[in-house]
Amino acid sequence: MSVDLRTTIGAFALVFLAIVGVAAVGGVVLDDAPPETDAVADDHWQADAVEPETASEGGEVEMESSEPSNTVVVHLGGGAAGPGGGTSILPIEDRDAPAEADVGALGGVRRGVAPLTAALVENGHEVRFYGGAVGSEPLPSMLSDADAFVTTNPGALSATDADAVETFVDAGGRTLVTSDPGAAGALTDFGSPFGVYGEAGYVYDMENNDANYLSVFVEPTGSGALTEGVEEVVFRGAAPVGTADGSATLATPETSRLSTTRETGSYGVAVRSDSLAVLGDSSFLEPENADRADNGILIGNVADFLVTGESPDASFGSPTGPGGAAPPGGAVPPGGSTPPPEPTDPSGNETDPAGNATA
C-alpha cells in the first residue's frame, strides 16, 4: 500500500471519529436542556375560573318582635292535614316554655314552611295548620280566634274559605300569601278585592343569578317592615305580582326577563297592601333556601309582620260546617254534629209524644 493511500485512509478515520464524538456530546447536551415551548392557556381548567358566582350564605332566622303569644293559621293546600285529616297544633303540649320545633321535625308539605313556623313557635306563638275542607275545623272558625293567616296555595281555598280570608284581611288580620309561577289566575281572583294581581309566566335572569337562571336575585325597592336589613334575597321560581297603584316591595334587577315576553326589565315579585303581604315565590321559606343571601332575614321580618299589630275583630256570621257549608238548621249544636231528624212512622203517619199514630 502506498504512502498516499495510507494517509488518505487515516485522515478519513480521524474525520469520522470526530463527527461521531461531536454527535455524542451534542446528544448529551440536548438531553440536559430540552427546548422551551410556549405556555398553554389553561385558565378554563381552573375551578375558580369556571365556578359560577353564587349567593353568600346568610345567618339564622331571628325575630325582633316581643309581642305576646299570637295564633297563626297556616294553609298549605292539599296534603296539609295531620293524621286522620285533623288539624295539628304547635305547641303540642301545655308547658311554661313553648315546644321546640326544628326544620327536620316537620315532614311532608309542612317542611316547606318549617323555618317560618319554627321561628314563630320558638318565640312563644301558636301555629295551627288548616288542612282544607275535608275533616278539618272550618276555616272561619279557626280565623275567629287567630291573629294572622298564611297560605302558600291560594288557589286551593274554596270560595267560602276565600271569602272568610277576605273578611279577615278587611278586619286587619295580618295575612301572608305566596304564589308560585302558574298560579297567576288564582292569585288575581284572591287578591283583586285588595288591588293585588298576578302576572302570567315566570322571571328569569341569564346574567345575575344564584348558579341557575331561574334562581333570581331580588332586592328591596325601598325601606319597610318586610325589607328591614335585607339587601338581597334569592327566589328559586319568581312569579311577577303587582298592585293597582304599581308599587312593589321587592323587585328583580333590570337584567331579568319575563318568560311570556322575553323582555328585559325589573319585575315586582312582592307587594304589600295594608295587612296583606303577597310574595311571588314560596321556595324562600324552605329549609335549604333559608340560609341563602338574606332569605333568613326576610323570613324573620315576615314572622314579625304576622305577629305585630292589633288583634283583628272579624265577624264571620253563623257557624259553618266542614268546608264552609252551612249545616241543616243554620247552626252547629254543641259537640259539632247536626242533630238527627225527627223519627217518622214507617207508614208515613206522624206520631204523638206518646207514640200513638195520628191521622
Protein backbone atom coordinates (compact mmCIF):
# COMPACT_ATOMS: atom_id res chain seq x y z
CA MET A 1 0.00 0.00 0.00
CA SER A 2 1.38 3.35 -0.94
CA VAL A 3 2.05 6.14 1.49
CA ASP A 4 -0.62 8.39 -0.07
CA LEU A 5 -3.34 5.74 0.33
CA ARG A 6 -2.48 5.17 3.97
CA THR A 7 -2.54 8.89 4.59
CA THR A 8 -5.97 9.23 2.96
CA ILE A 9 -7.45 6.36 4.98
CA GLY A 10 -6.05 7.76 8.22
CA ALA A 11 -7.46 11.20 7.54
CA PHE A 12 -10.88 9.71 6.78
CA ALA A 13 -10.82 7.73 10.02
CA LEU A 14 -9.93 10.82 12.06
CA VAL A 15 -12.74 12.85 10.48
CA PHE A 16 -15.25 10.03 11.08
CA LEU A 17 -14.25 9.70 14.73
CA ALA A 18 -14.50 13.47 15.19
CA ILE A 19 -18.03 13.55 13.76
CA VAL A 20 -19.17 10.67 15.97
CA GLY A 21 -17.70 12.34 19.03
CA VAL A 22 -19.36 15.66 18.33
CA ALA A 23 -22.73 13.95 17.80
CA ALA A 24 -22.42 12.05 21.07
CA VAL A 25 -21.54 15.17 23.05
CA GLY A 26 -24.30 17.15 21.37
CA GLY A 27 -26.88 14.49 22.26
CA VAL A 28 -25.93 14.68 25.90
CA VAL A 29 -26.23 18.45 25.86
CA LEU A 30 -29.63 18.32 24.14
CA ASP A 31 -30.94 15.76 26.65
CA ASP A 32 -29.98 18.00 29.54
CA ALA A 33 -31.68 21.09 28.09
CA PRO A 34 -34.92 20.33 26.19
CA PRO A 35 -36.23 23.11 24.00
CA GLU A 36 -38.62 25.60 25.57
CA THR A 37 -42.23 25.71 24.38
CA ASP A 38 -44.92 28.37 24.74
CA ALA A 39 -47.15 28.02 27.81
CA VAL A 40 -50.59 26.56 27.09
CA ALA A 41 -53.53 28.71 28.18
CA ASP A 42 -55.32 26.56 30.77
CA ASP A 43 -57.38 29.10 32.71
CA HIS A 44 -60.54 27.32 31.63
CA TRP A 45 -59.39 24.23 33.51
CA GLN A 46 -59.14 26.09 36.83
CA ALA A 47 -62.17 25.54 39.09
CA ASP A 48 -62.14 29.10 40.40
CA ALA A 49 -62.33 30.40 36.82
CA VAL A 50 -65.40 28.40 35.78
CA GLU A 51 -67.37 28.23 39.05
CA PRO A 52 -70.46 30.45 38.73
CA GLU A 53 -70.99 33.35 41.07
CA THR A 54 -73.45 32.37 43.78
CA ALA A 55 -75.17 33.99 46.72
CA SER A 56 -73.43 34.18 50.05
CA GLU A 57 -74.70 32.15 52.98
CA GLY A 58 -76.86 34.03 55.44
CA GLY A 59 -77.49 33.59 59.14
CA GLU A 60 -80.17 32.21 61.42
CA VAL A 61 -83.84 33.13 61.19
CA GLU A 62 -84.43 35.58 64.01
CA MET A 63 -87.41 37.62 65.15
CA GLU A 64 -87.18 41.10 66.63
CA SER A 65 -90.77 41.28 67.87
CA SER A 66 -91.50 40.93 71.57
CA GLU A 67 -95.26 40.63 71.09
CA PRO A 68 -97.15 38.29 73.43
CA SER A 69 -98.39 34.98 72.10
CA ASN A 70 -100.29 35.20 68.82
CA THR A 71 -102.13 32.48 66.91
CA VAL A 72 -101.14 31.96 63.27
CA VAL A 73 -103.19 29.72 60.99
CA VAL A 74 -101.21 28.14 58.13
CA HIS A 75 -102.78 26.72 54.96
CA LEU A 76 -100.62 24.71 52.57
CA GLY A 77 -103.21 23.36 50.16
CA GLY A 78 -103.67 19.63 49.60
CA GLY A 79 -101.93 17.25 51.96
CA ALA A 80 -101.53 19.71 54.81
CA ALA A 81 -103.85 17.89 57.18
CA GLY A 82 -102.43 15.89 60.03
CA PRO A 83 -103.03 12.19 60.68
CA GLY A 84 -106.65 11.34 60.11
CA GLY A 85 -107.28 14.69 58.44
CA GLY A 86 -107.22 16.61 61.71
CA THR A 87 -105.59 19.96 62.38
CA SER A 88 -102.25 19.85 64.17
CA ILE A 89 -101.44 22.45 66.77
CA LEU A 90 -97.98 23.67 67.84
CA PRO A 91 -97.00 23.68 70.68
CA ILE A 92 -98.42 20.18 71.16
CA GLU A 93 -98.20 20.12 74.96
CA ASP A 94 -99.08 22.76 77.54
CA ARG A 95 -95.97 23.93 79.29
CA ASP A 96 -94.36 27.09 80.61
CA ALA A 97 -91.93 27.30 77.69
CA PRO A 98 -93.05 26.80 74.08
CA ALA A 99 -92.32 23.46 72.46
CA GLU A 100 -89.23 23.36 70.30
CA ALA A 101 -89.67 22.82 66.59
CA ASP A 102 -86.80 22.24 64.22
CA VAL A 103 -86.85 22.10 60.45
CA GLY A 104 -86.24 18.36 60.42
CA ALA A 105 -89.22 17.50 62.61
CA LEU A 106 -91.85 18.86 60.25
CA GLY A 107 -92.21 16.44 57.35
CA GLY A 108 -94.18 16.47 54.13
CA VAL A 109 -95.51 19.72 52.78
CA ARG A 110 -95.13 21.35 56.18
CA ARG A 111 -91.37 21.16 55.78
CA GLY A 112 -91.70 23.85 53.12
CA VAL A 113 -92.56 26.46 55.77
CA ALA A 114 -90.58 24.96 58.65
CA PRO A 115 -88.13 27.89 59.13
CA LEU A 116 -91.08 30.28 59.49
CA THR A 117 -93.20 28.10 61.77
CA ALA A 118 -90.19 27.11 63.88
CA ALA A 119 -89.30 30.78 64.43
CA LEU A 120 -92.87 31.56 65.47
CA VAL A 121 -93.08 28.63 67.90
CA GLU A 122 -89.66 29.32 69.39
CA ASN A 123 -90.80 32.87 70.15
CA GLY A 124 -93.89 31.71 72.02
CA HIS A 125 -96.54 31.86 69.30
CA GLU A 126 -99.06 29.19 68.38
CA VAL A 127 -99.16 27.72 64.87
CA ARG A 128 -102.24 25.84 63.66
CA PHE A 129 -102.48 24.10 60.30
CA TYR A 130 -105.66 24.21 58.25
CA GLY A 131 -105.91 21.08 56.14
CA GLY A 132 -108.75 22.04 53.81
CA ALA A 133 -112.45 21.35 53.66
CA VAL A 134 -112.42 17.63 54.44
CA GLY A 135 -112.09 16.60 58.06
CA SER A 136 -110.82 19.94 59.39
CA GLU A 137 -112.26 22.58 61.62
CA PRO A 138 -113.90 25.18 59.35
CA LEU A 139 -111.54 27.98 58.39
CA PRO A 140 -113.92 30.76 59.55
CA SER A 141 -113.97 29.13 62.98
CA MET A 142 -110.17 28.98 63.09
CA LEU A 143 -109.77 32.57 61.89
CA SER A 144 -112.21 33.83 64.52
CA ASP A 145 -109.55 33.01 67.14
CA ALA A 146 -106.49 33.83 65.01
CA ASP A 147 -104.24 36.86 64.72
CA ALA A 148 -102.64 36.00 61.37
CA PHE A 149 -103.08 33.74 58.37
CA VAL A 150 -100.59 32.21 55.91
CA THR A 151 -101.32 30.39 52.66
CA THR A 152 -98.83 29.07 50.13
CA ASN A 153 -101.61 27.96 47.79
CA PRO A 154 -104.44 30.50 47.48
CA GLY A 155 -105.90 28.58 44.55
CA ALA A 156 -106.64 25.63 46.86
CA LEU A 157 -109.00 27.70 49.02
CA SER A 158 -112.69 27.10 48.44
CA ALA A 159 -114.90 30.06 47.57
CA THR A 160 -116.24 30.08 51.13
CA ASP A 161 -112.72 29.97 52.59
CA ALA A 162 -111.54 32.76 50.28
CA ASP A 163 -114.47 34.90 51.43
CA ALA A 164 -113.52 34.20 55.04
CA VAL A 165 -109.92 35.28 54.40
CA GLU A 166 -111.16 38.46 52.69
CA THR A 167 -113.25 39.26 55.76
CA PHE A 168 -110.24 38.51 57.95
CA VAL A 169 -107.95 40.85 55.97
CA ASP A 170 -110.57 43.61 55.93
CA ALA A 171 -110.74 43.35 59.72
CA GLY A 172 -106.98 43.91 59.99
CA GLY A 173 -105.90 40.27 60.16
CA ARG A 174 -102.29 40.07 59.02
CA THR A 175 -102.06 37.73 56.05
CA LEU A 176 -99.16 36.33 54.04
CA VAL A 177 -99.79 34.83 50.60
CA THR A 178 -97.09 33.20 48.48
CA SER A 179 -97.85 32.46 44.85
CA ASP A 180 -95.58 30.49 42.53
CA PRO A 181 -95.44 30.63 38.72
CA GLY A 182 -98.55 29.15 37.15
CA ALA A 183 -100.94 30.49 39.79
CA ALA A 184 -101.49 34.00 38.40
CA GLY A 185 -105.20 33.46 37.82
CA ALA A 186 -105.84 32.11 41.31
CA LEU A 187 -103.85 34.94 42.89
CA THR A 188 -105.74 37.57 40.90
CA ASP A 189 -109.09 36.07 41.91
CA PHE A 190 -107.99 36.06 45.54
CA GLY A 191 -106.25 39.44 45.61
CA SER A 192 -108.49 41.57 43.38
CA PRO A 193 -110.55 42.93 46.33
CA PHE A 194 -107.28 44.38 47.67
CA GLY A 195 -105.92 45.63 44.36
CA VAL A 196 -103.38 42.79 44.09
CA TYR A 197 -102.90 40.68 40.97
CA GLY A 198 -100.57 38.08 39.49
CA GLU A 199 -98.99 38.04 36.03
CA ALA A 200 -98.60 35.01 33.80
CA GLY A 201 -95.16 33.48 33.36
CA TYR A 202 -92.02 33.50 35.45
CA VAL A 203 -89.00 35.75 35.81
CA TYR A 204 -85.50 34.53 34.91
CA ASP A 205 -82.07 36.13 34.64
CA MET A 206 -79.22 34.86 32.47
CA GLU A 207 -76.67 37.33 33.88
CA ASN A 208 -77.32 37.73 37.61
CA ASN A 209 -78.42 34.55 39.32
CA ASP A 210 -77.58 32.03 42.03
CA ALA A 211 -75.94 29.40 39.78
CA ASN A 212 -79.18 28.92 37.83
CA TYR A 213 -81.04 31.32 35.57
CA LEU A 214 -84.29 30.52 37.40
CA SER A 215 -82.77 31.39 40.80
CA VAL A 216 -83.00 35.15 40.53
CA PHE A 217 -81.63 37.77 42.89
CA VAL A 218 -84.27 40.09 44.32
CA GLU A 219 -83.73 43.43 46.03
CA PRO A 220 -85.89 45.81 48.08
CA THR A 221 -87.35 48.79 46.26
CA GLY A 222 -87.38 50.85 49.45
CA SER A 223 -87.48 50.67 53.22
CA GLY A 224 -90.26 48.89 55.06
CA ALA A 225 -91.06 46.36 57.75
CA LEU A 226 -90.71 43.40 55.38
CA THR A 227 -87.37 44.53 53.95
CA GLU A 228 -85.60 45.90 57.02
CA GLY A 229 -81.99 44.68 56.96
CA VAL A 230 -82.48 42.95 53.60
CA GLU A 231 -80.01 43.69 50.81
CA GLU A 232 -80.52 40.70 48.52
CA VAL A 233 -82.63 37.53 48.59
CA VAL A 234 -82.91 34.54 46.27
CA PHE A 235 -86.18 33.36 44.72
CA ARG A 236 -85.92 29.93 43.08
CA GLY A 237 -89.05 30.44 41.00
CA ALA A 238 -90.19 34.04 40.84
CA ALA A 239 -93.71 34.93 39.72
CA PRO A 240 -94.42 38.59 38.91
CA VAL A 241 -97.04 40.23 41.12
CA GLY A 242 -98.37 43.76 41.28
CA THR A 243 -100.80 46.20 42.83
CA ALA A 244 -103.24 48.69 41.38
CA ASP A 245 -101.01 51.60 42.41
CA GLY A 246 -97.97 49.98 40.80
CA SER A 247 -95.83 49.81 43.94
CA ALA A 248 -93.62 46.81 44.74
CA THR A 249 -91.76 45.78 47.88
CA LEU A 250 -89.21 43.51 46.19
CA ALA A 251 -88.13 43.55 42.55
CA THR A 252 -85.67 41.82 40.23
CA PRO A 253 -82.69 43.54 38.51
CA GLU A 254 -83.01 45.20 35.11
CA THR A 255 -81.21 42.21 33.56
CA SER A 256 -84.11 39.85 34.28
CA ARG A 257 -86.67 38.75 31.70
CA LEU A 258 -90.31 37.66 31.74
CA SER A 259 -90.86 34.23 30.19
CA THR A 260 -94.02 35.20 28.31
CA THR A 261 -92.49 38.20 26.52
CA ARG A 262 -88.71 37.73 26.96
CA GLU A 263 -88.50 41.46 27.59
CA THR A 264 -85.77 42.66 29.95
CA GLY A 265 -86.63 44.85 32.89
CA SER A 266 -87.21 44.99 36.61
CA TYR A 267 -90.25 42.99 37.72
CA GLY A 268 -92.06 43.28 41.03
CA VAL A 269 -92.19 39.97 42.90
CA ALA A 270 -93.54 41.11 46.29
CA VAL A 271 -96.19 43.65 47.27
CA ARG A 272 -97.98 44.78 50.38
CA SER A 273 -101.46 46.18 50.75
CA ASP A 274 -102.08 47.19 54.37
CA SER A 275 -102.40 43.93 56.36
CA LEU A 276 -101.90 41.74 53.26
CA ALA A 277 -98.42 40.78 52.00
CA VAL A 278 -98.02 38.83 48.75
CA LEU A 279 -94.73 37.27 47.59
CA GLY A 280 -94.31 35.65 44.19
CA ASP A 281 -92.32 32.69 45.49
CA SER A 282 -92.70 30.11 48.23
CA SER A 283 -89.30 28.43 47.87
CA PHE A 284 -87.50 31.01 50.02
CA LEU A 285 -89.35 29.56 53.04
CA GLU A 286 -87.84 26.09 52.54
CA PRO A 287 -85.04 24.94 54.89
CA GLU A 288 -82.48 24.51 52.08
CA ASN A 289 -83.07 28.08 50.88
CA ALA A 290 -83.48 29.87 54.20
CA ASP A 291 -79.73 30.46 54.52
CA ARG A 292 -79.18 31.85 51.02
CA ALA A 293 -78.24 35.52 50.92
CA ASP A 294 -80.66 37.44 53.20
CA ASN A 295 -83.52 34.94 52.95
CA GLY A 296 -83.30 34.27 56.68
CA ILE A 297 -83.69 37.98 57.45
CA LEU A 298 -86.71 38.16 55.16
CA ILE A 299 -88.31 35.16 56.88
CA GLY A 300 -87.72 36.78 60.27
CA ASN A 301 -89.32 40.00 59.02
CA VAL A 302 -92.31 38.04 57.72
CA ALA A 303 -92.70 36.38 61.13
CA ASP A 304 -92.57 39.79 62.84
CA PHE A 305 -95.15 41.14 60.39
CA LEU A 306 -97.53 38.29 61.22
CA VAL A 307 -97.49 38.86 64.99
CA THR A 308 -97.23 42.65 65.19
CA GLY A 309 -100.30 44.85 65.44
CA GLU A 310 -103.80 44.91 66.84
CA SER A 311 -105.84 41.73 67.01
CA PRO A 312 -108.40 41.60 64.19
CA ASP A 313 -112.09 41.95 65.01
CA ALA A 314 -113.60 39.76 62.31
CA SER A 315 -117.19 38.55 62.27
CA PHE A 316 -118.00 35.51 60.14
CA GLY A 317 -121.73 35.26 60.81
CA SER A 318 -123.35 31.95 61.63
CA PRO A 319 -121.08 28.99 62.32
CA THR A 320 -120.48 26.74 59.35
CA GLY A 321 -119.84 23.08 58.85
CA PRO A 322 -116.76 21.41 57.34
CA GLY A 323 -115.66 23.09 54.14
CA GLY A 324 -117.66 26.20 54.93
CA ALA A 325 -121.11 24.71 54.15
CA ALA A 326 -123.93 25.74 56.43
CA PRO A 327 -125.34 22.75 58.31
CA PRO A 328 -129.08 21.96 58.37
CA GLY A 329 -130.83 24.41 60.64
CA GLY A 330 -128.16 27.06 60.08
CA ALA A 331 -126.12 26.36 63.21
CA VAL A 332 -123.92 23.66 64.64
CA PRO A 333 -125.03 22.49 68.09
CA PRO A 334 -122.55 21.83 70.91
CA GLY A 335 -120.30 18.93 70.03
CA GLY A 336 -120.09 19.96 66.37
CA SER A 337 -122.63 17.49 64.99
CA THR A 338 -126.03 18.05 63.42
CA PRO A 339 -129.00 16.54 65.35
CA PRO A 340 -130.76 13.66 63.60
CA PRO A 341 -134.17 14.35 62.01
CA GLU A 342 -137.35 13.62 63.93
CA PRO A 343 -138.33 9.93 63.56
CA THR A 344 -141.39 9.16 61.48
CA ASP A 345 -143.74 6.22 61.46
CA PRO A 346 -142.97 3.71 58.70
CA SER A 347 -146.50 4.18 57.39
CA GLY A 348 -145.82 7.85 56.89
CA ASN A 349 -148.20 8.91 59.71
CA GLU A 350 -146.90 11.27 62.33
CA THR A 351 -146.74 10.12 65.94
CA ASP A 352 -147.80 11.94 69.04
CA PRO A 353 -145.46 12.25 72.03
CA ALA A 354 -146.90 9.07 73.48
CA GLY A 355 -146.00 7.14 70.36
CA ASN A 356 -149.56 6.81 69.06
CA ALA A 357 -150.18 7.25 65.38
CA THR A 358 -152.27 10.22 64.32
CA ALA A 359 -154.32 10.66 61.24
